[in-house]
Amino acid sequence: MPDHDGNEIRAVRALAHPLRLELLDLIRFEGPSTATLLAHRVGESSGATSYHLRQLARYGYVEEATRPGGGRERWWRYRERRVVTIGAESTSARALLAELLSREAHALDRFLAAPPRSREWDAAAFFQSRALRLTAAELTELRTGIEEAIARFRPADAGSAPEGASPVRVLAFGFPLPLEAP
């Protein structure tokens, strides 16, 4: 099990706030924004969103973006950062994982409740569940392979997406089942 230094644990705790996760999702899927614009979207004060954006920046989840039109307001953009939660010994890491999975389940529920987009999109969407028997090294290899496959594609906030491209959520996880008692 990897060691988690204090900085990594604090970085995980920085995400353990529902508003921060919501702000991060908005920036990740819709692109750069300001605290004021985000405050209007989430029904909070710009002071609160500004504070939470600074906390996300402190731990590397967002960063300052170029100001469109040279305005005075601070713009923020998503910054890809790997977060280690599975296997983390801290309860905050496990609580964060539970919150992240709950958010993803909610997004899936919204997708399933929405009317179909098109035959093409419906055929492209997928859910896959496999039962494998792996060593820890093989599970690590699988995770790395998935990360490499996903890295080939443009992020959701990319400004250079071709016509017809849509933000897509991809969720993959692998974990060992609890050992059975003899």
N, C-alpha and C. Protein backbone atom coordinates (compact mmCIF):
# COMPACT_ATOMS: atom_id res chain seq x y z
N MET A 1 0.85 -1.18 0.00
CA MET A 1 0.00 0.00 0.00
C MET A 1 0.89 1.23 0.00
N PRO A 2 0.65 2.23 -0.88
CA PRO A 2 1.50 3.39 -0.93
C PRO A 2 1.36 4.24 0.33
N ASP A 3 2.46 4.90 0.67
CA ASP A 3 2.42 5.82 1.79
C ASP A 3 1.74 7.10 1.35
N HIS A 4 0.97 7.68 2.23
CA HIS A 4 0.29 8.94 1.92
C HIS A 4 0.83 9.99 2.86
N ASP A 5 1.59 10.94 2.31
CA ASP A 5 2.12 11.98 3.17
C ASP A 5 1.02 12.98 3.53
N GLY A 6 1.34 13.89 4.42
CA GLY A 6 0.35 14.85 4.89
C GLY A 6 -0.22 15.71 3.79
N ASN A 7 0.61 16.06 2.78
CA ASN A 7 0.11 16.89 1.68
C ASN A 7 -0.96 16.16 0.88
N GLU A 8 -0.76 14.89 0.61
CA GLU A 8 -1.75 14.12 -0.16
C GLU A 8 -3.05 14.00 0.63
N ILE A 9 -2.95 13.76 1.92
CA ILE A 9 -4.15 13.65 2.75
C ILE A 9 -4.88 14.99 2.78
N ARG A 10 -4.15 16.11 2.91
CA ARG A 10 -4.79 17.43 2.89
C ARG A 10 -5.43 17.70 1.52
N ALA A 11 -4.78 17.24 0.46
CA ALA A 11 -5.34 17.42 -0.89
C ALA A 11 -6.64 16.66 -1.05
N VAL A 12 -6.71 15.47 -0.48
CA VAL A 12 -7.95 14.69 -0.51
C VAL A 12 -9.02 15.40 0.31
N ARG A 13 -8.65 15.88 1.47
CA ARG A 13 -9.62 16.59 2.32
C ARG A 13 -10.14 17.86 1.64
N ALA A 14 -9.30 18.49 0.82
CA ALA A 14 -9.72 19.70 0.12
C ALA A 14 -10.92 19.43 -0.79
N LEU A 15 -11.04 18.21 -1.27
CA LEU A 15 -12.17 17.86 -2.13
C LEU A 15 -13.40 17.44 -1.34
N ALA A 16 -13.25 17.21 -0.06
CA ALA A 16 -14.34 16.66 0.74
C ALA A 16 -15.35 17.74 1.14
N HIS A 17 -15.71 18.55 0.18
CA HIS A 17 -16.73 19.58 0.41
C HIS A 17 -17.63 19.59 -0.82
N PRO A 18 -18.94 19.43 -0.63
CA PRO A 18 -19.85 19.32 -1.78
C PRO A 18 -19.76 20.50 -2.75
N LEU A 19 -19.62 21.73 -2.24
CA LEU A 19 -19.54 22.89 -3.13
C LEU A 19 -18.27 22.84 -3.97
N ARG A 20 -17.16 22.43 -3.38
CA ARG A 20 -15.92 22.33 -4.15
C ARG A 20 -16.05 21.30 -5.27
N LEU A 21 -16.68 20.18 -4.97
CA LEU A 21 -16.88 19.16 -6.00
C LEU A 21 -17.78 19.68 -7.11
N GLU A 22 -18.80 20.45 -6.74
CA GLU A 22 -19.70 21.00 -7.75
C GLU A 22 -18.97 22.03 -8.62
N LEU A 23 -18.18 22.90 -8.01
CA LEU A 23 -17.41 23.88 -8.77
C LEU A 23 -16.42 23.19 -9.70
N LEU A 24 -15.76 22.18 -9.20
CA LEU A 24 -14.79 21.44 -10.00
C LEU A 24 -15.47 20.79 -11.20
N ASP A 25 -16.64 20.21 -10.99
CA ASP A 25 -17.39 19.59 -12.09
C ASP A 25 -17.78 20.62 -13.14
N LEU A 26 -18.25 21.77 -12.71
CA LEU A 26 -18.65 22.81 -13.66
C LEU A 26 -17.46 23.26 -14.51
N ILE A 27 -16.34 23.50 -13.88
CA ILE A 27 -15.15 23.94 -14.63
C ILE A 27 -14.63 22.81 -15.51
N ARG A 28 -14.68 21.59 -15.01
CA ARG A 28 -14.17 20.45 -15.76
C ARG A 28 -14.99 20.20 -17.02
N PHE A 29 -16.30 20.32 -16.94
CA PHE A 29 -17.15 20.00 -18.08
C PHE A 29 -17.53 21.21 -18.93
N GLU A 30 -17.51 22.40 -18.36
CA GLU A 30 -17.94 23.57 -19.11
C GLU A 30 -16.82 24.54 -19.44
N GLY A 31 -15.65 24.32 -18.89
CA GLY A 31 -14.52 25.18 -19.21
C GLY A 31 -14.30 26.27 -18.17
N PRO A 32 -13.31 27.12 -18.42
CA PRO A 32 -12.93 28.16 -17.46
C PRO A 32 -14.09 29.06 -17.07
N SER A 33 -14.01 29.57 -15.85
CA SER A 33 -15.06 30.44 -15.34
C SER A 33 -14.51 31.30 -14.22
N THR A 34 -15.33 32.23 -13.77
CA THR A 34 -14.97 33.10 -12.65
C THR A 34 -15.79 32.73 -11.43
N ALA A 35 -15.37 33.21 -10.28
CA ALA A 35 -16.11 32.95 -9.05
C ALA A 35 -17.52 33.53 -9.14
N THR A 36 -17.66 34.69 -9.77
CA THR A 36 -18.97 35.33 -9.89
C THR A 36 -19.91 34.52 -10.77
N LEU A 37 -19.42 34.09 -11.94
CA LEU A 37 -20.26 33.28 -12.83
C LEU A 37 -20.66 31.97 -12.16
N LEU A 38 -19.71 31.35 -11.48
CA LEU A 38 -20.00 30.09 -10.80
C LEU A 38 -20.98 30.30 -9.64
N ALA A 39 -20.85 31.42 -8.94
CA ALA A 39 -21.76 31.73 -7.83
C ALA A 39 -23.20 31.78 -8.32
N HIS A 40 -23.41 32.39 -9.49
CA HIS A 40 -24.76 32.44 -10.06
C HIS A 40 -25.26 31.04 -10.40
N ARG A 41 -24.39 30.19 -10.90
CA ARG A 41 -24.78 28.83 -11.30
C ARG A 41 -25.18 27.98 -10.10
N VAL A 42 -24.46 28.13 -8.97
CA VAL A 42 -24.69 27.24 -7.82
C VAL A 42 -25.51 27.89 -6.70
N GLY A 43 -25.88 29.17 -6.87
CA GLY A 43 -26.70 29.83 -5.85
C GLY A 43 -25.94 30.17 -4.58
N GLU A 44 -24.67 30.50 -4.71
CA GLU A 44 -23.85 30.89 -3.55
C GLU A 44 -23.33 32.30 -3.78
N SER A 45 -22.71 32.88 -2.77
CA SER A 45 -22.09 34.19 -2.93
C SER A 45 -20.77 34.04 -3.69
N SER A 46 -20.37 35.10 -4.37
CA SER A 46 -19.09 35.04 -5.09
C SER A 46 -17.93 34.94 -4.10
N GLY A 47 -18.12 35.46 -2.90
CA GLY A 47 -17.08 35.33 -1.87
C GLY A 47 -16.86 33.87 -1.50
N ALA A 48 -17.96 33.12 -1.35
CA ALA A 48 -17.86 31.70 -1.00
C ALA A 48 -17.22 30.91 -2.15
N THR A 49 -17.66 31.17 -3.38
CA THR A 49 -17.08 30.42 -4.51
C THR A 49 -15.63 30.79 -4.70
N SER A 50 -15.28 32.05 -4.49
CA SER A 50 -13.89 32.49 -4.61
C SER A 50 -13.01 31.77 -3.58
N TYR A 51 -13.49 31.70 -2.35
CA TYR A 51 -12.74 31.00 -1.30
C TYR A 51 -12.51 29.54 -1.68
N HIS A 52 -13.55 28.86 -2.12
CA HIS A 52 -13.43 27.45 -2.46
C HIS A 52 -12.56 27.23 -3.69
N LEU A 53 -12.61 28.13 -4.65
CA LEU A 53 -11.72 28.03 -5.82
C LEU A 53 -10.26 28.18 -5.40
N ARG A 54 -9.99 29.10 -4.47
CA ARG A 54 -8.61 29.26 -3.98
C ARG A 54 -8.13 28.00 -3.26
N GLN A 55 -9.02 27.35 -2.52
CA GLN A 55 -8.66 26.10 -1.86
C GLN A 55 -8.36 25.01 -2.89
N LEU A 56 -9.18 24.94 -3.92
CA LEU A 56 -8.93 23.95 -4.99
C LEU A 56 -7.60 24.25 -5.68
N ALA A 57 -7.30 25.53 -5.87
CA ALA A 57 -6.02 25.91 -6.51
C ALA A 57 -4.84 25.56 -5.60
N ARG A 58 -5.01 25.75 -4.33
CA ARG A 58 -3.93 25.46 -3.37
C ARG A 58 -3.44 24.02 -3.49
N TYR A 59 -4.36 23.11 -3.80
CA TYR A 59 -4.00 21.69 -3.89
C TYR A 59 -3.92 21.18 -5.33
N GLY A 60 -3.93 22.10 -6.30
CA GLY A 60 -3.65 21.75 -7.68
C GLY A 60 -4.80 21.20 -8.50
N TYR A 61 -6.04 21.46 -8.09
CA TYR A 61 -7.20 20.96 -8.85
C TYR A 61 -7.66 21.96 -9.90
N VAL A 62 -7.41 23.24 -9.66
CA VAL A 62 -7.70 24.30 -10.63
C VAL A 62 -6.49 25.23 -10.66
N GLU A 63 -6.44 26.05 -11.71
CA GLU A 63 -5.37 27.04 -11.81
C GLU A 63 -5.93 28.27 -12.51
N GLU A 64 -5.21 29.38 -12.37
CA GLU A 64 -5.66 30.59 -13.04
C GLU A 64 -5.61 30.41 -14.54
N ALA A 65 -6.61 30.96 -15.21
CA ALA A 65 -6.70 30.87 -16.67
C ALA A 65 -6.50 32.27 -17.26
N THR A 66 -6.20 32.30 -18.53
CA THR A 66 -6.07 33.57 -19.23
C THR A 66 -7.41 34.29 -19.19
N ARG A 67 -7.35 35.58 -18.93
CA ARG A 67 -8.58 36.37 -18.85
C ARG A 67 -9.07 36.73 -20.24
N PRO A 68 -10.25 36.26 -20.62
CA PRO A 68 -10.79 36.64 -21.93
C PRO A 68 -11.06 38.15 -21.98
N GLY A 69 -10.62 38.79 -23.02
CA GLY A 69 -10.87 40.22 -23.17
C GLY A 69 -10.09 41.10 -22.21
N GLY A 70 -9.15 40.52 -21.46
CA GLY A 70 -8.31 41.31 -20.57
C GLY A 70 -9.04 41.90 -19.38
N GLY A 71 -10.17 41.34 -18.98
CA GLY A 71 -10.93 41.85 -17.84
C GLY A 71 -10.15 41.73 -16.54
N ARG A 72 -10.72 42.28 -15.48
CA ARG A 72 -10.05 42.29 -14.18
C ARG A 72 -10.34 41.05 -13.35
N GLU A 73 -11.46 40.40 -13.64
CA GLU A 73 -11.86 39.28 -12.80
C GLU A 73 -10.96 38.06 -13.03
N ARG A 74 -10.73 37.33 -11.98
CA ARG A 74 -9.87 36.14 -12.02
C ARG A 74 -10.63 34.97 -12.62
N TRP A 75 -10.06 34.35 -13.65
CA TRP A 75 -10.64 33.17 -14.29
C TRP A 75 -9.90 31.94 -13.82
N TRP A 76 -10.64 30.85 -13.69
CA TRP A 76 -10.08 29.58 -13.23
C TRP A 76 -10.35 28.49 -14.26
N ARG A 77 -9.42 27.58 -14.41
CA ARG A 77 -9.62 26.43 -15.30
C ARG A 77 -9.25 25.15 -14.56
N TYR A 78 -9.80 24.07 -15.05
CA TYR A 78 -9.56 22.75 -14.47
C TYR A 78 -8.12 22.32 -14.72
N ARG A 79 -7.56 21.65 -13.76
CA ARG A 79 -6.21 21.10 -13.89
C ARG A 79 -6.28 19.62 -13.52
N GLU A 80 -5.88 18.77 -14.46
CA GLU A 80 -5.92 17.32 -14.20
C GLU A 80 -4.96 16.98 -13.07
N ARG A 81 -5.46 16.28 -12.09
CA ARG A 81 -4.64 15.87 -10.94
C ARG A 81 -5.13 14.52 -10.47
N ARG A 82 -4.24 13.58 -10.40
CA ARG A 82 -4.61 12.24 -9.93
C ARG A 82 -4.76 12.27 -8.41
N VAL A 83 -5.84 11.71 -7.95
CA VAL A 83 -6.11 11.64 -6.52
C VAL A 83 -6.15 10.17 -6.12
N VAL A 84 -5.37 9.82 -5.13
CA VAL A 84 -5.35 8.45 -4.65
C VAL A 84 -6.31 8.36 -3.48
N THR A 85 -7.38 7.57 -3.67
CA THR A 85 -8.34 7.40 -2.57
C THR A 85 -8.45 5.94 -2.18
N ILE A 86 -8.43 5.05 -3.14
CA ILE A 86 -8.56 3.63 -2.82
C ILE A 86 -7.28 3.18 -2.15
N GLY A 87 -7.42 2.48 -1.07
CA GLY A 87 -6.27 2.00 -0.34
C GLY A 87 -5.76 3.02 0.67
N ALA A 88 -6.27 4.24 0.59
CA ALA A 88 -5.84 5.26 1.54
C ALA A 88 -6.38 4.88 2.92
N GLU A 89 -5.52 5.03 3.90
CA GLU A 89 -5.90 4.63 5.24
C GLU A 89 -6.79 5.66 5.92
N SER A 90 -6.81 6.89 5.43
CA SER A 90 -7.58 7.92 6.11
C SER A 90 -9.07 7.76 5.84
N THR A 91 -9.87 8.09 6.84
CA THR A 91 -11.31 8.02 6.67
C THR A 91 -11.79 9.12 5.73
N SER A 92 -11.06 10.25 5.65
CA SER A 92 -11.47 11.32 4.74
C SER A 92 -11.34 10.86 3.29
N ALA A 93 -10.34 10.05 2.97
CA ALA A 93 -10.18 9.55 1.60
C ALA A 93 -11.33 8.61 1.25
N ARG A 94 -11.71 7.77 2.17
CA ARG A 94 -12.83 6.85 1.91
C ARG A 94 -14.15 7.61 1.82
N ALA A 95 -14.32 8.63 2.65
CA ALA A 95 -15.54 9.45 2.59
C ALA A 95 -15.60 10.20 1.26
N LEU A 96 -14.44 10.68 0.80
CA LEU A 96 -14.40 11.36 -0.50
C LEU A 96 -14.78 10.39 -1.62
N LEU A 97 -14.25 9.19 -1.59
CA LEU A 97 -14.59 8.21 -2.62
C LEU A 97 -16.10 7.94 -2.63
N ALA A 98 -16.68 7.81 -1.45
CA ALA A 98 -18.13 7.58 -1.36
C ALA A 98 -18.89 8.76 -1.97
N GLU A 99 -18.46 9.99 -1.69
CA GLU A 99 -19.11 11.17 -2.26
C GLU A 99 -18.94 11.23 -3.77
N LEU A 100 -17.75 10.93 -4.26
CA LEU A 100 -17.51 10.94 -5.71
C LEU A 100 -18.37 9.90 -6.42
N LEU A 101 -18.46 8.71 -5.86
CA LEU A 101 -19.29 7.67 -6.47
C LEU A 101 -20.76 8.04 -6.42
N SER A 102 -21.20 8.69 -5.36
CA SER A 102 -22.58 9.15 -5.27
C SER A 102 -22.88 10.17 -6.36
N ARG A 103 -21.93 11.09 -6.59
CA ARG A 103 -22.11 12.10 -7.65
C ARG A 103 -22.18 11.44 -9.02
N GLU A 104 -21.31 10.44 -9.25
CA GLU A 104 -21.32 9.75 -10.54
C GLU A 104 -22.62 8.96 -10.72
N ALA A 105 -23.12 8.34 -9.64
CA ALA A 105 -24.38 7.61 -9.72
C ALA A 105 -25.52 8.57 -10.05
N HIS A 106 -25.48 9.76 -9.47
CA HIS A 106 -26.50 10.77 -9.76
C HIS A 106 -26.44 11.20 -11.23
N ALA A 107 -25.22 11.37 -11.77
CA ALA A 107 -25.06 11.73 -13.18
C ALA A 107 -25.60 10.61 -14.07
N LEU A 108 -25.35 9.36 -13.70
CA LEU A 108 -25.88 8.23 -14.47
C LEU A 108 -27.40 8.19 -14.41
N ASP A 109 -27.96 8.45 -13.24
CA ASP A 109 -29.43 8.51 -13.10
C ASP A 109 -30.02 9.57 -14.03
N ARG A 110 -29.38 10.75 -14.09
CA ARG A 110 -29.88 11.81 -14.98
C ARG A 110 -29.81 11.37 -16.44
N PHE A 111 -28.72 10.68 -16.82
CA PHE A 111 -28.59 10.19 -18.19
C PHE A 111 -29.70 9.20 -18.51
N LEU A 112 -29.96 8.25 -17.60
CA LEU A 112 -30.97 7.23 -17.84
C LEU A 112 -32.39 7.81 -17.87
N ALA A 113 -32.63 8.89 -17.13
CA ALA A 113 -33.95 9.50 -17.08
C ALA A 113 -34.21 10.43 -18.26
N ALA A 114 -33.14 10.88 -18.92
CA ALA A 114 -33.29 11.82 -20.04
C ALA A 114 -33.77 11.09 -21.28
N PRO A 115 -34.46 11.80 -22.16
CA PRO A 115 -34.85 11.17 -23.42
C PRO A 115 -33.59 10.82 -24.24
N PRO A 116 -33.67 9.79 -25.07
CA PRO A 116 -32.52 9.42 -25.88
C PRO A 116 -32.07 10.58 -26.76
N ARG A 117 -30.75 10.72 -26.92
CA ARG A 117 -30.20 11.81 -27.75
C ARG A 117 -30.32 11.46 -29.22
N SER A 118 -29.79 10.32 -29.58
CA SER A 118 -29.83 9.86 -30.97
C SER A 118 -29.41 8.40 -30.97
N ARG A 119 -29.69 7.73 -32.06
CA ARG A 119 -29.30 6.32 -32.17
C ARG A 119 -27.77 6.20 -32.07
N GLU A 120 -27.05 7.13 -32.69
CA GLU A 120 -25.59 7.11 -32.67
C GLU A 120 -25.05 7.22 -31.24
N TRP A 121 -25.56 8.19 -30.46
CA TRP A 121 -25.10 8.36 -29.08
C TRP A 121 -25.52 7.18 -28.21
N ASP A 122 -26.73 6.69 -28.40
CA ASP A 122 -27.18 5.55 -27.59
C ASP A 122 -26.33 4.32 -27.86
N ALA A 123 -25.92 4.12 -29.11
CA ALA A 123 -25.08 2.97 -29.45
C ALA A 123 -23.66 3.14 -28.90
N ALA A 124 -23.21 4.38 -28.74
CA ALA A 124 -21.85 4.62 -28.27
C ALA A 124 -21.73 4.50 -26.75
N ALA A 125 -22.79 4.82 -26.03
CA ALA A 125 -22.75 4.74 -24.56
C ALA A 125 -22.57 3.29 -24.14
N PHE A 126 -21.89 3.08 -23.01
CA PHE A 126 -21.64 1.71 -22.57
C PHE A 126 -21.54 1.60 -21.06
N PHE A 127 -21.79 0.42 -20.60
CA PHE A 127 -21.55 0.02 -19.22
C PHE A 127 -20.93 -1.36 -19.29
N GLN A 128 -19.88 -1.53 -18.56
CA GLN A 128 -19.20 -2.82 -18.61
C GLN A 128 -18.80 -3.23 -17.20
N SER A 129 -19.06 -4.46 -16.87
CA SER A 129 -18.66 -4.99 -15.57
C SER A 129 -18.02 -6.34 -15.81
N ARG A 130 -16.85 -6.52 -15.31
CA ARG A 130 -16.13 -7.78 -15.48
C ARG A 130 -15.67 -8.29 -14.13
N ALA A 131 -15.64 -9.59 -14.00
CA ALA A 131 -15.09 -10.23 -12.81
C ALA A 131 -13.75 -10.85 -13.21
N LEU A 132 -12.68 -10.41 -12.60
CA LEU A 132 -11.34 -10.90 -12.92
C LEU A 132 -10.68 -11.43 -11.65
N ARG A 133 -9.67 -12.24 -11.81
CA ARG A 133 -8.86 -12.69 -10.68
C ARG A 133 -7.44 -12.23 -10.98
N LEU A 134 -6.98 -11.19 -10.25
CA LEU A 134 -5.71 -10.53 -10.55
C LEU A 134 -4.83 -10.45 -9.31
N THR A 135 -3.55 -10.30 -9.57
CA THR A 135 -2.62 -9.96 -8.49
C THR A 135 -2.65 -8.44 -8.34
N ALA A 136 -2.07 -7.93 -7.27
CA ALA A 136 -1.99 -6.48 -7.08
C ALA A 136 -1.22 -5.84 -8.23
N ALA A 137 -0.17 -6.48 -8.69
CA ALA A 137 0.61 -5.96 -9.81
C ALA A 137 -0.22 -5.92 -11.10
N GLU A 138 -1.03 -6.94 -11.33
CA GLU A 138 -1.88 -6.95 -12.52
C GLU A 138 -2.97 -5.88 -12.44
N LEU A 139 -3.51 -5.65 -11.25
CA LEU A 139 -4.51 -4.60 -11.08
C LEU A 139 -3.89 -3.24 -11.35
N THR A 140 -2.67 -3.04 -10.89
CA THR A 140 -1.94 -1.80 -11.18
C THR A 140 -1.71 -1.65 -12.68
N GLU A 141 -1.35 -2.73 -13.34
CA GLU A 141 -1.15 -2.71 -14.80
C GLU A 141 -2.45 -2.36 -15.51
N LEU A 142 -3.56 -2.90 -15.06
CA LEU A 142 -4.86 -2.60 -15.65
C LEU A 142 -5.19 -1.12 -15.49
N ARG A 143 -4.99 -0.59 -14.28
CA ARG A 143 -5.25 0.82 -14.02
C ARG A 143 -4.41 1.70 -14.93
N THR A 144 -3.14 1.39 -15.04
CA THR A 144 -2.23 2.16 -15.89
C THR A 144 -2.67 2.11 -17.35
N GLY A 145 -3.09 0.94 -17.82
CA GLY A 145 -3.56 0.80 -19.19
C GLY A 145 -4.80 1.63 -19.46
N ILE A 146 -5.72 1.67 -18.51
CA ILE A 146 -6.93 2.47 -18.65
C ILE A 146 -6.56 3.95 -18.69
N GLU A 147 -5.66 4.37 -17.78
CA GLU A 147 -5.22 5.77 -17.77
C GLU A 147 -4.58 6.16 -19.10
N GLU A 148 -3.76 5.27 -19.66
CA GLU A 148 -3.11 5.56 -20.94
C GLU A 148 -4.14 5.63 -22.07
N ALA A 149 -5.12 4.75 -22.06
CA ALA A 149 -6.15 4.77 -23.10
C ALA A 149 -6.96 6.06 -23.04
N ILE A 150 -7.34 6.48 -21.85
CA ILE A 150 -8.14 7.69 -21.70
C ILE A 150 -7.33 8.93 -22.05
N ALA A 151 -6.05 8.93 -21.75
CA ALA A 151 -5.19 10.09 -21.99
C ALA A 151 -5.11 10.46 -23.48
N ARG A 152 -5.41 9.52 -24.36
CA ARG A 152 -5.36 9.79 -25.81
C ARG A 152 -6.45 10.75 -26.26
N PHE A 153 -7.51 10.91 -25.47
CA PHE A 153 -8.66 11.70 -25.88
C PHE A 153 -8.63 13.10 -25.26
N ARG A 154 -9.32 14.05 -25.91
CA ARG A 154 -9.32 15.42 -25.44
C ARG A 154 -10.17 15.55 -24.17
N PRO A 155 -9.78 16.43 -23.26
CA PRO A 155 -10.57 16.64 -22.05
C PRO A 155 -11.89 17.34 -22.36
N ALA A 156 -12.83 17.25 -21.44
CA ALA A 156 -14.17 17.80 -21.64
C ALA A 156 -14.16 19.30 -21.84
N ASP A 157 -13.19 20.00 -21.27
CA ASP A 157 -13.16 21.46 -21.39
C ASP A 157 -12.31 21.95 -22.56
N ALA A 158 -11.91 21.05 -23.46
CA ALA A 158 -11.08 21.44 -24.60
C ALA A 158 -11.84 22.37 -25.52
N GLY A 159 -11.20 23.45 -25.90
CA GLY A 159 -11.83 24.41 -26.79
C GLY A 159 -11.76 23.99 -28.25
N SER A 160 -10.95 23.00 -28.57
CA SER A 160 -10.73 22.62 -29.97
C SER A 160 -11.50 21.35 -30.35
N ALA A 161 -12.59 21.09 -29.69
CA ALA A 161 -13.36 19.88 -29.98
C ALA A 161 -14.07 20.01 -31.33
N PRO A 162 -14.16 18.92 -32.08
CA PRO A 162 -14.86 18.99 -33.37
C PRO A 162 -16.37 19.15 -33.17
N GLU A 163 -17.03 19.59 -34.22
CA GLU A 163 -18.49 19.74 -34.17
C GLU A 163 -19.12 18.38 -33.83
N GLY A 164 -20.09 18.42 -32.96
CA GLY A 164 -20.77 17.19 -32.56
C GLY A 164 -20.17 16.53 -31.33
N ALA A 165 -19.03 17.03 -30.86
CA ALA A 165 -18.42 16.48 -29.65
C ALA A 165 -19.22 16.94 -28.44
N SER A 166 -19.36 16.08 -27.47
CA SER A 166 -20.13 16.37 -26.27
C SER A 166 -19.32 15.95 -25.05
N PRO A 167 -19.48 16.64 -23.91
CA PRO A 167 -18.82 16.16 -22.69
C PRO A 167 -19.30 14.75 -22.37
N VAL A 168 -18.39 13.89 -21.99
CA VAL A 168 -18.70 12.49 -21.67
C VAL A 168 -18.04 12.15 -20.35
N ARG A 169 -18.77 11.47 -19.49
CA ARG A 169 -18.20 10.97 -18.24
C ARG A 169 -17.71 9.54 -18.47
N VAL A 170 -16.49 9.27 -18.03
CA VAL A 170 -15.95 7.91 -18.08
C VAL A 170 -15.54 7.56 -16.66
N LEU A 171 -16.08 6.48 -16.17
CA LEU A 171 -15.79 6.05 -14.80
C LEU A 171 -15.29 4.62 -14.87
N ALA A 172 -14.11 4.39 -14.35
CA ALA A 172 -13.57 3.03 -14.29
C ALA A 172 -12.97 2.82 -12.91
N PHE A 173 -13.24 1.70 -12.32
CA PHE A 173 -12.62 1.39 -11.05
C PHE A 173 -12.43 -0.11 -10.93
N GLY A 174 -11.42 -0.46 -10.20
CA GLY A 174 -11.14 -1.87 -9.92
C GLY A 174 -10.70 -1.99 -8.48
N PHE A 175 -11.24 -2.93 -7.78
CA PHE A 175 -10.89 -3.10 -6.37
C PHE A 175 -11.03 -4.56 -5.99
N PRO A 176 -10.22 -5.00 -5.04
CA PRO A 176 -10.32 -6.40 -4.61
C PRO A 176 -11.55 -6.60 -3.73
N LEU A 177 -12.18 -7.71 -3.88
CA LEU A 177 -13.31 -8.05 -3.02
C LEU A 177 -12.77 -8.45 -1.65
N PRO A 178 -13.55 -8.24 -0.61
CA PRO A 178 -13.09 -8.64 0.74
C PRO A 178 -12.78 -10.14 0.76
N LEU A 179 -11.76 -10.49 1.50
CA LEU A 179 -11.42 -11.89 1.65
C LEU A 179 -12.49 -12.60 2.46
N GLU A 180 -12.86 -13.77 2.00
CA GLU A 180 -13.86 -14.58 2.72
C GLU A 180 -13.22 -15.21 3.94
N ALA A 181 -13.95 -15.22 5.03
CA ALA A 181 -13.47 -15.90 6.23
C ALA A 181 -13.54 -17.40 6.01
N PRO A 182 -12.52 -18.17 6.48
CA PRO A 182 -12.55 -19.63 6.26
C PRO A 182 -13.66 -20.31 7.04
